[in-house]
Amino acid sequence: MTGSANEATGATPILDPIGLHARPAVKLTKLAKSFASDIEIRAESGADWVNAKSPNKVMKMKAAHGETLHIKAVGADAEEAVAALVALVERDFDG
């Protein structure tokens, strides 16, 4: 994870065998919404950053198993937000 006081980035592979489907997408967006920072994510194969607080946009990414998920946040709690989201993905969205 890298960043400054107001900006942070991180990346981690998606471990779920099905990829970033409905259940993990909802867990990710729910966690993202608990932070004040603006948070965006992007799949390795995708060109566009999407709002991590939008379940619909996150599911439409169709990020696959093993693909790297990039996370960036801007705001007062950016580093905490990125760390929490990376940890959630690394825990396979808590199975």
PDB file of N, CA and C in Angstrom:
ATOM      1  N   MET A   1       0.852  -1.179   0.000  1.00  0.00           N
ATOM      2  CA  MET A   1       0.000   0.000   0.000  1.00  0.00           C
ATOM      3  C   MET A   1       0.893   1.236   0.000  1.00  0.00           C
ATOM      4  N   THR A   2       0.513   2.216  -0.792  1.00  0.00           N
ATOM      5  CA  THR A   2       1.255   3.472  -0.828  1.00  0.00           C
ATOM      6  C   THR A   2       0.286   4.620  -0.676  1.00  0.00           C
ATOM      7  N   GLY A   3       0.820   5.772  -0.315  1.00  0.00           N
ATOM      8  CA  GLY A   3      -0.059   6.927  -0.234  1.00  0.00           C
ATOM      9  C   GLY A   3       0.484   8.025   0.637  1.00  0.00           C
ATOM     10  N   SER A   4      -0.234   9.133   0.652  1.00  0.00           N
ATOM     11  CA  SER A   4       0.083  10.262   1.509  1.00  0.00           C
ATOM     12  C   SER A   4      -1.008  10.365   2.553  1.00  0.00           C
ATOM     13  N   ALA A   5      -1.031  11.462   3.292  1.00  0.00           N
ATOM     14  CA  ALA A   5      -2.016  11.627   4.358  1.00  0.00           C
ATOM     15  C   ALA A   5      -3.447  11.613   3.830  1.00  0.00           C
ATOM     16  N   ASN A   6      -3.650  12.050   2.595  1.00  0.00           N
ATOM     17  CA  ASN A   6      -5.005  12.133   2.052  1.00  0.00           C
ATOM     18  C   ASN A   6      -5.273  11.199   0.882  1.00  0.00           C
ATOM     19  N   GLU A   7      -4.289  10.408   0.501  1.00  0.00           N
ATOM     20  CA  GLU A   7      -4.439   9.536  -0.661  1.00  0.00           C
ATOM     21  C   GLU A   7      -3.711   8.227  -0.408  1.00  0.00           C
ATOM     22  N   ALA A   8      -4.315   7.118  -0.829  1.00  0.00           N
ATOM     23  CA  ALA A   8      -3.675   5.816  -0.648  1.00  0.00           C
ATOM     24  C   ALA A   8      -4.072   4.894  -1.789  1.00  0.00           C
ATOM     25  N   THR A   9      -3.183   3.951  -2.100  1.00  0.00           N
ATOM     26  CA  THR A   9      -3.468   2.948  -3.121  1.00  0.00           C
ATOM     27  C   THR A   9      -3.030   1.586  -2.624  1.00  0.00           C
ATOM     28  N   GLY A  10      -3.613   0.560  -3.183  1.00  0.00           N
ATOM     29  CA  GLY A  10      -3.237  -0.802  -2.851  1.00  0.00           C
ATOM     30  C   GLY A  10      -3.695  -1.736  -3.957  1.00  0.00           C
ATOM     31  N   ALA A  11      -3.216  -2.964  -3.905  1.00  0.00           N
ATOM     32  CA  ALA A  11      -3.604  -3.963  -4.899  1.00  0.00           C
ATOM     33  C   ALA A  11      -3.471  -5.349  -4.287  1.00  0.00           C
ATOM     34  N   THR A  12      -4.347  -6.243  -4.708  1.00  0.00           N
ATOM     35  CA  THR A  12      -4.315  -7.614  -4.211  1.00  0.00           C
ATOM     36  C   THR A  12      -5.057  -8.512  -5.189  1.00  0.00           C
ATOM     37  N   PRO A  13      -4.643  -9.782  -5.321  1.00  0.00           N
ATOM     38  CA  PRO A  13      -5.359 -10.680  -6.230  1.00  0.00           C
ATOM     39  C   PRO A  13      -6.701 -11.127  -5.645  1.00  0.00           C
ATOM     40  N   ILE A  14      -7.646 -11.389  -6.527  1.00  0.00           N
ATOM     41  CA  ILE A  14      -8.951 -11.900  -6.115  1.00  0.00           C
ATOM     42  C   ILE A  14      -8.827 -13.407  -5.934  1.00  0.00           C
ATOM     43  N   LEU A  15      -9.120 -13.891  -4.739  1.00  0.00           N
ATOM     44  CA  LEU A  15      -8.957 -15.302  -4.410  1.00  0.00           C
ATOM     45  C   LEU A  15     -10.216 -16.128  -4.650  1.00  0.00           C
ATOM     46  N   ASP A  16     -11.380 -15.499  -4.641  1.00  0.00           N
ATOM     47  CA  ASP A  16     -12.635 -16.229  -4.814  1.00  0.00           C
ATOM     48  C   ASP A  16     -12.616 -16.954  -6.159  1.00  0.00           C
ATOM     49  N   PRO A  17     -12.897 -18.272  -6.168  1.00  0.00           N
ATOM     50  CA  PRO A  17     -12.845 -19.042  -7.417  1.00  0.00           C
ATOM     51  C   PRO A  17     -13.788 -18.529  -8.506  1.00  0.00           C
ATOM     52  N   ILE A  18     -14.863 -17.864  -8.113  1.00  0.00           N
ATOM     53  CA  ILE A  18     -15.830 -17.345  -9.078  1.00  0.00           C
ATOM     54  C   ILE A  18     -15.497 -15.903  -9.461  1.00  0.00           C
ATOM     55  N   GLY A  19     -14.606 -15.274  -8.732  1.00  0.00           N
ATOM     56  CA  GLY A  19     -14.256 -13.885  -8.997  1.00  0.00           C
ATOM     57  C   GLY A  19     -15.096 -12.944  -8.157  1.00  0.00           C
ATOM     58  N   LEU A  20     -15.165 -11.713  -8.587  1.00  0.00           N
ATOM     59  CA  LEU A  20     -15.886 -10.677  -7.844  1.00  0.00           C
ATOM     60  C   LEU A  20     -17.349 -10.678  -8.282  1.00  0.00           C
ATOM     61  N   HIS A  21     -18.113 -11.638  -7.752  1.00  0.00           N
ATOM     62  CA  HIS A  21     -19.533 -11.773  -8.085  1.00  0.00           C
ATOM     63  C   HIS A  21     -20.374 -11.063  -7.030  1.00  0.00           C
ATOM     64  N   ALA A  22     -21.672 -11.307  -7.007  1.00  0.00           N
ATOM     65  CA  ALA A  22     -22.610 -10.539  -6.180  1.00  0.00           C
ATOM     66  C   ALA A  22     -22.264 -10.512  -4.693  1.00  0.00           C
ATOM     67  N   ARG A  23     -22.065 -11.663  -4.073  1.00  0.00           N
ATOM     68  CA  ARG A  23     -21.835 -11.687  -2.624  1.00  0.00           C
ATOM     69  C   ARG A  23     -20.589 -10.906  -2.224  1.00  0.00           C
ATOM     70  N   PRO A  24     -19.427 -11.181  -2.822  1.00  0.00           N
ATOM     71  CA  PRO A  24     -18.256 -10.387  -2.441  1.00  0.00           C
ATOM     72  C   PRO A  24     -18.369  -8.917  -2.835  1.00  0.00           C
ATOM     73  N   ALA A  25     -19.047  -8.631  -3.928  1.00  0.00           N
ATOM     74  CA  ALA A  25     -19.217  -7.229  -4.340  1.00  0.00           C
ATOM     75  C   ALA A  25     -20.005  -6.454  -3.294  1.00  0.00           C
ATOM     76  N   VAL A  26     -21.053  -7.074  -2.755  1.00  0.00           N
ATOM     77  CA  VAL A  26     -21.855  -6.409  -1.725  1.00  0.00           C
ATOM     78  C   VAL A  26     -21.031  -6.210  -0.460  1.00  0.00           C
ATOM     79  N   LYS A  27     -20.232  -7.214  -0.082  1.00  0.00           N
ATOM     80  CA  LYS A  27     -19.380  -7.069   1.107  1.00  0.00           C
ATOM     81  C   LYS A  27     -18.366  -5.951   0.914  1.00  0.00           C
ATOM     82  N   LEU A  28     -17.777  -5.888  -0.268  1.00  0.00           N
ATOM     83  CA  LEU A  28     -16.786  -4.850  -0.550  1.00  0.00           C
ATOM     84  C   LEU A  28     -17.426  -3.467  -0.505  1.00  0.00           C
ATOM     85  N   THR A  29     -18.579  -3.305  -1.140  1.00  0.00           N
ATOM     86  CA  THR A  29     -19.214  -1.989  -1.157  1.00  0.00           C
ATOM     87  C   THR A  29     -19.709  -1.582   0.227  1.00  0.00           C
ATOM     88  N   LYS A  30     -20.194  -2.543   0.991  1.00  0.00           N
ATOM     89  CA  LYS A  30     -20.645  -2.231   2.358  1.00  0.00           C
ATOM     90  C   LYS A  30     -19.479  -1.704   3.192  1.00  0.00           C
ATOM     91  N   LEU A  31     -18.327  -2.361   3.081  1.00  0.00           N
ATOM     92  CA  LEU A  31     -17.148  -1.907   3.815  1.00  0.00           C
ATOM     93  C   LEU A  31     -16.695  -0.542   3.294  1.00  0.00           C
ATOM     94  N   ALA A  32     -16.679  -0.364   1.983  1.00  0.00           N
ATOM     95  CA  ALA A  32     -16.258   0.921   1.402  1.00  0.00           C
ATOM     96  C   ALA A  32     -17.135   2.064   1.898  1.00  0.00           C
ATOM     97  N   LYS A  33     -18.434   1.810   2.015  1.00  0.00           N
ATOM     98  CA  LYS A  33     -19.366   2.846   2.472  1.00  0.00           C
ATOM     99  C   LYS A  33     -19.141   3.250   3.923  1.00  0.00           C
ATOM    100  N   SER A  34     -18.414   2.441   4.677  1.00  0.00           N
ATOM    101  CA  SER A  34     -18.159   2.777   6.082  1.00  0.00           C
ATOM    102  C   SER A  34     -17.049   3.822   6.231  1.00  0.00           C
ATOM    103  N   PHE A  35     -16.424   4.206   5.124  1.00  0.00           N
ATOM    104  CA  PHE A  35     -15.358   5.206   5.140  1.00  0.00           C
ATOM    105  C   PHE A  35     -15.826   6.489   4.459  1.00  0.00           C
ATOM    106  N   ALA A  36     -15.314   7.613   4.936  1.00  0.00           N
ATOM    107  CA  ALA A  36     -15.673   8.914   4.366  1.00  0.00           C
ATOM    108  C   ALA A  36     -14.961   9.181   3.040  1.00  0.00           C
ATOM    109  N   SER A  37     -13.814   8.567   2.838  1.00  0.00           N
ATOM    110  CA  SER A  37     -13.018   8.804   1.630  1.00  0.00           C
ATOM    111  C   SER A  37     -13.754   8.387   0.365  1.00  0.00           C
ATOM    112  N   ASP A  38     -13.375   9.017  -0.741  1.00  0.00           N
ATOM    113  CA  ASP A  38     -13.820   8.570  -2.057  1.00  0.00           C
ATOM    114  C   ASP A  38     -12.945   7.378  -2.420  1.00  0.00           C
ATOM    115  N   ILE A  39     -13.567   6.263  -2.766  1.00  0.00           N
ATOM    116  CA  ILE A  39     -12.829   5.027  -3.028  1.00  0.00           C
ATOM    117  C   ILE A  39     -13.211   4.497  -4.399  1.00  0.00           C
ATOM    118  N   GLU A  40     -12.197   4.155  -5.181  1.00  0.00           N
ATOM    119  CA  GLU A  40     -12.419   3.571  -6.495  1.00  0.00           C
ATOM    120  C   GLU A  40     -11.600   2.298  -6.628  1.00  0.00           C
ATOM    121  N   ILE A  41     -12.112   1.373  -7.448  1.00  0.00           N
ATOM    122  CA  ILE A  41     -11.398   0.127  -7.709  1.00  0.00           C
ATOM    123  C   ILE A  41     -11.341  -0.107  -9.214  1.00  0.00           C
ATOM    124  N   ARG A  42     -10.365  -0.934  -9.584  1.00  0.00           N
ATOM    125  CA  ARG A  42     -10.192  -1.290 -10.998  1.00  0.00           C
ATOM    126  C   ARG A  42      -9.608  -2.686 -11.062  1.00  0.00           C
ATOM    127  N   ALA A  43     -10.147  -3.504 -11.942  1.00  0.00           N
ATOM    128  CA  ALA A  43      -9.584  -4.831 -12.169  1.00  0.00           C
ATOM    129  C   ALA A  43      -8.387  -4.699 -13.102  1.00  0.00           C
ATOM    130  N   GLU A  44      -7.467  -5.625 -12.986  1.00  0.00           N
ATOM    131  CA  GLU A  44      -6.258  -5.611 -13.812  1.00  0.00           C
ATOM    132  C   GLU A  44      -6.602  -5.504 -15.300  1.00  0.00           C
ATOM    133  N   SER A  45      -7.628  -6.224 -15.727  1.00  0.00           N
ATOM    134  CA  SER A  45      -7.985  -6.239 -17.152  1.00  0.00           C
ATOM    135  C   SER A  45      -8.867  -5.062 -17.560  1.00  0.00           C
ATOM    136  N   GLY A  46      -9.387  -4.339 -16.583  1.00  0.00           N
ATOM    137  CA  GLY A  46     -10.284  -3.228 -16.893  1.00  0.00           C
ATOM    138  C   GLY A  46      -9.549  -1.907 -16.985  1.00  0.00           C
ATOM    139  N   ALA A  47     -10.035  -1.049 -17.836  1.00  0.00           N
ATOM    140  CA  ALA A  47      -9.380   0.242 -18.015  1.00  0.00           C
ATOM    141  C   ALA A  47      -9.962   1.308 -17.097  1.00  0.00           C
ATOM    142  N   ASP A  48     -11.219   1.134 -16.723  1.00  0.00           N
ATOM    143  CA  ASP A  48     -11.911   2.184 -15.991  1.00  0.00           C
ATOM    144  C   ASP A  48     -11.944   1.936 -14.486  1.00  0.00           C
ATOM    145  N   TRP A  49     -11.772   3.004 -13.730  1.00  0.00           N
ATOM    146  CA  TRP A  49     -11.956   2.971 -12.286  1.00  0.00           C
ATOM    147  C   TRP A  49     -13.448   3.103 -12.020  1.00  0.00           C
ATOM    148  N   VAL A  50     -13.955   2.367 -11.030  1.00  0.00           N
ATOM    149  CA  VAL A  50     -15.369   2.460 -10.675  1.00  0.00           C
ATOM    150  C   VAL A  50     -15.509   2.799  -9.197  1.00  0.00           C
ATOM    151  N   ASN A  51     -16.624   3.405  -8.862  1.00  0.00           N
ATOM    152  CA  ASN A  51     -16.926   3.772  -7.485  1.00  0.00           C
ATOM    153  C   ASN A  51     -17.091   2.503  -6.652  1.00  0.00           C
ATOM    154  N   ALA A  52     -16.241   2.317  -5.650  1.00  0.00           N
ATOM    155  CA  ALA A  52     -16.285   1.117  -4.812  1.00  0.00           C
ATOM    156  C   ALA A  52     -17.503   1.086  -3.900  1.00  0.00           C
ATOM    157  N   LYS A  53     -18.240   2.179  -3.839  1.00  0.00           N
ATOM    158  CA  LYS A  53     -19.432   2.236  -2.988  1.00  0.00           C
ATOM    159  C   LYS A  53     -20.706   1.920  -3.776  1.00  0.00           C
ATOM    160  N   SER A  54     -20.568   1.554  -5.045  1.00  0.00           N
ATOM    161  CA  SER A  54     -21.702   1.229  -5.910  1.00  0.00           C
ATOM    162  C   SER A  54     -21.713  -0.269  -6.218  1.00  0.00           C
ATOM    163  N   PRO A  55     -22.606  -1.043  -5.570  1.00  0.00           N
ATOM    164  CA  PRO A  55     -22.644  -2.492  -5.823  1.00  0.00           C
ATOM    165  C   PRO A  55     -22.830  -2.821  -7.301  1.00  0.00           C
ATOM    166  N   ASN A  56     -23.672  -2.085  -7.987  1.00  0.00           N
ATOM    167  CA  ASN A  56     -23.936  -2.346  -9.394  1.00  0.00           C
ATOM    168  C   ASN A  56     -22.670  -2.179 -10.238  1.00  0.00           C
ATOM    169  N   LYS A  57     -21.940  -1.099 -10.018  1.00  0.00           N
ATOM    170  CA  LYS A  57     -20.720  -0.851 -10.791  1.00  0.00           C
ATOM    171  C   LYS A  57     -19.642  -1.879 -10.468  1.00  0.00           C
ATOM    172  N   VAL A  58     -19.543  -2.270  -9.200  1.00  0.00           N
ATOM    173  CA  VAL A  58     -18.538  -3.265  -8.803  1.00  0.00           C
ATOM    174  C   VAL A  58     -18.842  -4.608  -9.459  1.00  0.00           C
ATOM    175  N   MET A  59     -20.103  -5.036  -9.445  1.00  0.00           N
ATOM    176  CA  MET A  59     -20.469  -6.316 -10.067  1.00  0.00           C
ATOM    177  C   MET A  59     -20.259  -6.293 -11.576  1.00  0.00           C
ATOM    178  N   LYS A  60     -20.511  -5.157 -12.212  1.00  0.00           N
ATOM    179  CA  LYS A  60     -20.353  -5.053 -13.666  1.00  0.00           C
ATOM    180  C   LYS A  60     -18.893  -5.163 -14.105  1.00  0.00           C
ATOM    181  N   MET A  61     -17.954  -5.015 -13.170  1.00  0.00           N
ATOM    182  CA  MET A  61     -16.536  -5.143 -13.510  1.00  0.00           C
ATOM    183  C   MET A  61     -16.206  -6.556 -13.973  1.00  0.00           C
ATOM    184  N   LYS A  62     -16.898  -7.538 -13.410  1.00  0.00           N
ATOM    185  CA  LYS A  62     -16.674  -8.954 -13.732  1.00  0.00           C
ATOM    186  C   LYS A  62     -15.210  -9.341 -13.561  1.00  0.00           C
ATOM    187  N   ALA A  63     -14.616  -8.916 -12.458  1.00  0.00           N
ATOM    188  CA  ALA A  63     -13.219  -9.249 -12.175  1.00  0.00           C
ATOM    189  C   ALA A  63     -13.110 -10.743 -11.884  1.00  0.00           C
ATOM    190  N   ALA A  64     -12.162 -11.392 -12.503  1.00  0.00           N
ATOM    191  CA  ALA A  64     -12.015 -12.844 -12.434  1.00  0.00           C
ATOM    192  C   ALA A  64     -11.073 -13.290 -11.314  1.00  0.00           C
ATOM    193  N   HIS A  65     -11.188 -14.571 -10.979  1.00  0.00           N
ATOM    194  CA  HIS A  65     -10.292 -15.197 -10.005  1.00  0.00           C
ATOM    195  C   HIS A  65      -8.841 -14.987 -10.444  1.00  0.00           C
ATOM    196  N   GLY A  66      -7.991 -14.616  -9.501  1.00  0.00           N
ATOM    197  CA  GLY A  66      -6.573 -14.427  -9.775  1.00  0.00           C
ATOM    198  C   GLY A  66      -6.216 -13.064 -10.340  1.00  0.00           C
ATOM    199  N   GLU A  67      -7.212 -12.335 -10.779  1.00  0.00           N
ATOM    200  CA  GLU A  67      -6.975 -10.998 -11.328  1.00  0.00           C
ATOM    201  C   GLU A  67      -6.640 -10.031 -10.187  1.00  0.00           C
ATOM    202  N   THR A  68      -5.754  -9.096 -10.434  1.00  0.00           N
ATOM    203  CA  THR A  68      -5.391  -8.122  -9.409  1.00  0.00           C
ATOM    204  C   THR A  68      -6.435  -7.022  -9.345  1.00  0.00           C
ATOM    205  N   LEU A  69      -6.889  -6.740  -8.121  1.00  0.00           N
ATOM    206  CA  LEU A  69      -7.836  -5.660  -7.879  1.00  0.00           C
ATOM    207  C   LEU A  69      -7.050  -4.472  -7.343  1.00  0.00           C
ATOM    208  N   HIS A  70      -7.122  -3.351  -8.036  1.00  0.00           N
ATOM    209  CA  HIS A  70      -6.440  -2.127  -7.627  1.00  0.00           C
ATOM    210  C   HIS A  70      -7.433  -1.246  -6.881  1.00  0.00           C
ATOM    211  N   ILE A  71      -6.982  -0.662  -5.791  1.00  0.00           N
ATOM    212  CA  ILE A  71      -7.841   0.160  -4.939  1.00  0.00           C
ATOM    213  C   ILE A  71      -7.157   1.498  -4.720  1.00  0.00           C
ATOM    214  N   LYS A  72      -7.928   2.584  -4.848  1.00  0.00           N
ATOM    215  CA  LYS A  72      -7.376   3.897  -4.513  1.00  0.00           C
ATOM    216  C   LYS A  72      -8.433   4.677  -3.743  1.00  0.00           C
ATOM    217  N   ALA A  73      -7.959   5.465  -2.795  1.00  0.00           N
ATOM    218  CA  ALA A  73      -8.861   6.260  -1.964  1.00  0.00           C
ATOM    219  C   ALA A  73      -8.269   7.640  -1.752  1.00  0.00           C
ATOM    220  N   VAL A  74      -9.156   8.622  -1.654  1.00  0.00           N
ATOM    221  CA  VAL A  74      -8.763  10.000  -1.380  1.00  0.00           C
ATOM    222  C   VAL A  74      -9.675  10.516  -0.282  1.00  0.00           C
ATOM    223  N   GLY A  75      -9.061  10.991   0.804  1.00  0.00           N
ATOM    224  CA  GLY A  75      -9.831  11.527   1.921  1.00  0.00           C
ATOM    225  C   GLY A  75      -9.100  11.329   3.232  1.00  0.00           C
ATOM    226  N   ALA A  76      -9.709  11.802   4.291  1.00  0.00           N
ATOM    227  CA  ALA A  76      -9.077  11.775   5.611  1.00  0.00           C
ATOM    228  C   ALA A  76      -8.741  10.368   6.084  1.00  0.00           C
ATOM    229  N   ASP A  77      -9.562   9.378   5.718  1.00  0.00           N
ATOM    230  CA  ASP A  77      -9.324   8.004   6.176  1.00  0.00           C
ATOM    231  C   ASP A  77      -8.901   7.085   5.025  1.00  0.00           C
ATOM    232  N   ALA A  78      -8.228   7.651   4.022  1.00  0.00           N
ATOM    233  CA  ALA A  78      -7.855   6.905   2.821  1.00  0.00           C
ATOM    234  C   ALA A  78      -6.983   5.692   3.118  1.00  0.00           C
ATOM    235  N   GLU A  79      -5.944   5.864   3.924  1.00  0.00           N
ATOM    236  CA  GLU A  79      -5.050   4.739   4.206  1.00  0.00           C
ATOM    237  C   GLU A  79      -5.778   3.626   4.941  1.00  0.00           C
ATOM    238  N   GLU A  80      -6.602   3.986   5.905  1.00  0.00           N
ATOM    239  CA  GLU A  80      -7.377   2.993   6.652  1.00  0.00           C
ATOM    240  C   GLU A  80      -8.351   2.267   5.717  1.00  0.00           C
ATOM    241  N   ALA A  81      -8.981   3.005   4.820  1.00  0.00           N
ATOM    242  CA  ALA A  81      -9.939   2.413   3.882  1.00  0.00           C
ATOM    243  C   ALA A  81      -9.262   1.402   2.965  1.00  0.00           C
ATOM    244  N   VAL A  82      -8.147   1.785   2.372  1.00  0.00           N
ATOM    245  CA  VAL A  82      -7.441   0.884   1.462  1.00  0.00           C
ATOM    246  C   VAL A  82      -6.957  -0.351   2.213  1.00  0.00           C
ATOM    247  N   ALA A  83      -6.402  -0.169   3.395  1.00  0.00           N
ATOM    248  CA  ALA A  83      -5.927  -1.311   4.185  1.00  0.00           C
ATOM    249  C   ALA A  83      -7.068  -2.276   4.499  1.00  0.00           C
ATOM    250  N   ALA A  84      -8.227  -1.747   4.865  1.00  0.00           N
ATOM    251  CA  ALA A  84      -9.373  -2.593   5.206  1.00  0.00           C
ATOM    252  C   ALA A  84      -9.894  -3.344   3.981  1.00  0.00           C
ATOM    253  N   LEU A  85      -9.957  -2.680   2.841  1.00  0.00           N
ATOM    254  CA  LEU A  85     -10.451  -3.333   1.631  1.00  0.00           C
ATOM    255  C   LEU A  85      -9.473  -4.385   1.120  1.00  0.00           C
ATOM    256  N   VAL A  86      -8.184  -4.086   1.154  1.00  0.00           N
ATOM    257  CA  VAL A  86      -7.184  -5.080   0.764  1.00  0.00           C
ATOM    258  C   VAL A  86      -7.291  -6.301   1.676  1.00  0.00           C
ATOM    259  N   ALA A  87      -7.421  -6.075   2.974  1.00  0.00           N
ATOM    260  CA  ALA A  87      -7.536  -7.184   3.926  1.00  0.00           C
ATOM    261  C   ALA A  87      -8.780  -8.025   3.648  1.00  0.00           C
ATOM    262  N   LEU A  88      -9.899  -7.392   3.328  1.00  0.00           N
ATOM    263  CA  LEU A  88     -11.129  -8.127   3.021  1.00  0.00           C
ATOM    264  C   LEU A  88     -10.933  -9.034   1.807  1.00  0.00           C
ATOM    265  N   VAL A  89     -10.324  -8.513   0.755  1.00  0.00           N
ATOM    266  CA  VAL A  89     -10.083  -9.313  -0.449  1.00  0.00           C
ATOM    267  C   VAL A  89      -9.106 -10.442  -0.137  1.00  0.00           C
ATOM    268  N   GLU A  90      -8.064 -10.155   0.637  1.00  0.00           N
ATOM    269  CA  GLU A  90      -7.078 -11.180   0.995  1.00  0.00           C
ATOM    270  C   GLU A  90      -7.678 -12.280   1.860  1.00  0.00           C
ATOM    271  N   ARG A  91      -8.736 -11.958   2.593  1.00  0.00           N
ATOM    272  CA  ARG A  91      -9.436 -12.972   3.406  1.00  0.00           C
ATOM    273  C   ARG A  91     -10.517 -13.668   2.583  1.00  0.00           C
ATOM    274  N   ASP A  92     -10.480 -13.501   1.271  1.00  0.00           N
ATOM    275  CA  ASP A  92     -11.468 -14.086   0.364  1.00  0.00           C
ATOM    276  C   ASP A  92     -12.875 -13.680   0.764  1.00  0.00           C
ATOM    277  N   PHE A  93     -13.018 -12.407   1.132  1.00  0.00           N
ATOM    278  CA  PHE A  93     -14.306 -11.836   1.522  1.00  0.00           C
ATOM    279  C   PHE A  93     -14.920 -12.612   2.684  1.00  0.00           C
ATOM    280  N   ASP A  94     -14.053 -13.169   3.525  1.00  0.00           N
ATOM    281  CA  ASP A  94     -14.442 -13.956   4.701  1.00  0.00           C
ATOM    282  C   ASP A  94     -15.245 -15.204   4.331  1.00  0.00           C
ATOM    283  N   GLY A  95     -14.902 -15.757   3.173  1.00  0.00           N
ATOM    284  CA  GLY A  95     -15.451 -17.044   2.750  1.00  0.00           C
ATOM    285  C   GLY A  95     -16.900 -17.073   2.702  1.00  0.00           C
TER     286      GLY A  95
END
